[in-house]
Amino acid sequence: MSLTSQENILKVLTAFNPWWKSGAIRAEFSKTYKRFAYHEALKLLLHEDIRRTVVLTGTRRVGKTTIQYQMIDHLLKSGVSPQRIVFISLDHPLLKLCKLNEILDCYHANLYGDEDCYYFFDEIQYAADWDQWVKTIYDTQPLSRMVATGSASPVLKKKAAESGAGRWTVIQVPTLSFYEYCEMLDVERPEIPVDIRPTALVRYNKRDMTLLMTKLSELQKHFHRYLTVGGFPELALAKDDLLAQAIMREDVVDKVLKRDIPALYNIRNATELERIFLYLCYYSSNIIVIDAIARELDGVSRGTVNDYIDYMESANLIYRSYPVEMGGKKVLKARSKIYIADAAIRNAVLMDDNLMTDPEQLGITVETAVYKHIAAFYYQNTTSVGYYRGGKRGNEIDIVVEFPNGKILIEVKYRENAAIGEKDAIFELAEEASSAIVVTKRSDDYGIQPSSGTKKILRIPAFAFLYLLGNAEKHGYRGAK
């Protein structure tokens, strides 16, 4: 019997689809907490007028597969026949050997012969010519719906642009926001208005600002652990933080660097990839110079460094932030800043007990978390998220959100003395921005700081800023409860 016979394929599919027999999904698969991305994806799947293939992308362990199981659970509870729903893990060793049409033929021949089903493809990038098959299904099965996950964002987006134009919607699934972390762990949370937007706090009077910050101050005690392990749902729920970090190194980092990226990009030796990622962990939130990395990691060529950074970005291990123009001054060199995708990944890789106590390292950790939140919050909008370096003194603004009609300036000053003045670029350029925010450390370091012009600069503690961003994100989705 052939290894990839229909009999063997059916055995694997049956194992992955227990609802074919039981009629229900196992509780440990679907879990109770639902990410923001779940509500967004479900709206698209069930939309009556707009038919789109949903593609969930993000790094390992952020909950992409769980979101699929939760969607399947919703369908089953809505009365959809269990046999109409098929979950296919294309990361499985046997299914990797099969062509996608062979797997689908097996399903239709043995379980469900009609073409009005729900396909759930997990880690779809492992299937050869998957984009063409998805296009074929979309075009020839108008009653069928598809949801796919993948860990290689740019690869998926590129294929979506080429083969899936008008057919696919790519939904980014970042690591947990601080708001999601607090909600998932069911920590005591303050009652705050659903329509609060951080940028609007500049219009609050002193009394209302103090009342809001007092309500939010109880959340600060959870912020330290969130930075340590809180970005990954399963690990955030774990009781043993050291074990959670070890699992993160193994599953999130090692498997991506040693297996996923080498498999996707035909890399024979992953050692250089690991060395470059370690370097980026040390220098997260810094402007990266490719030549400097090549010199530091003796024996690694400039081209290899550049390619491998591209690969790590594609695997959602890092973010890249590019310079933006302000004050009418052109950006001469488009050197990017690099951020590790989640502060918890950086902490797990570096294994330095001082990371959460050393002021400089803690500042890097928090800036990494702030950038992740901003990038995740604005990824669907017509915006770009970058940084600014220049001005009279060559100073930097950590994060600049650039809209077609304005900019939001964000400076992370996570330190005891977070004073800003005329020497700071945000002070100098606040006048030409729609909003200017200084993210601080102390729970009592908040309020409005006048700038040199008519614009006011909002000062807000990091934990409060990130929580309010999550609150705004949640209530921006109609589907979120």
Foldseek 3Di string as FASTA:
>chain_A
DDLLDLVNLVVVQCVVQVCLPVLADDCVLQDDADDLVLLVVLCQQPPPPAAAAEEEEAFPQQCLSSSVNNSLRVCSVVPDNSLLETEAECVDPSNLVDAPVSSVVSSCVPGNVDQQGEYEYEQQLSHPPSLVVVLVSVVPRVNYYYYYYHQFVVVVVVSCVVRVVSHYDYAYRAFDFLQSLCVLVVPDAFDDDLADDVQVCQPPDPVVVVVLLVRHVVSVVVVLVCLAQVRGNVLSPDPDSLVSLVVCCVRRPCCCQVPVLCVSPVDDDSPVLVLLVLVCLVQALDFDDLVVSCVVVDPQDSVNSVVSVSSCVSSNQKDWAWADDDPPDDDDDGTTGIAGSGSNNSCSVVVDPCLCPPQVSVLSSLLSSVLNLVCNLCVVDQWGKHKHFDDPVRAIFSIWIDDPQFIETEHEQADPDSDDAPVHVCLVRVVRGPAYEYAYHDSPFWDWDDGPDRGIYTYHHSSSNSNSSVSNSQVVRPSHD
